[in-house]
């Protein structure tokens, strides 16, 4: 259990990657972790798009303020809400958030680095057109990942608010 807590606390958003391909076996392992996220009525409302193609990464990156990350990451995972599977919209979106976290933790556990990219949501329609997706698939965000460029991220730190600031009531 302590290993899991340490994994959670040591995960960081990694935005710099080596120019090294990620093996398909690893990609499928992290997606497998994502599919084990909890969801209302176990409806598993998520769908994934794996993008390694440089032209597609470039086109999608053009829609984002974070273009460099989209282009430089060896792998992009698009995570979509399948609106045909909705049980309760807000609860399904929370389940997709858990899916994102499972994937990010799996990436970290496997020695890679990743970052959740949500700013792209402003271009949901354009992303779906580029990927030629059906209308019932709604973009929830991307995870960019790969082997971290340790030279560029060596001083990466993170702060958290004191737990007392976050607890509003004990009853």
Foldseek 3Di string as FASTA:
>chain_A
DVVVVVLVQPADAFQAADQDADDPVLVVVLLVLLQPFDAVVSLSQKDKDKDQDQVLLQQLLVLDPSSVSSNRFRIKIWIWGQQVSDPDVVRRLVSNVRSVVSSQSSCVVVQKHKHWAARSLVVQVVNCVSVVHDPSTTTRTMIGIHHGPCVVCVPPDDDDDDVVVVDPDDD
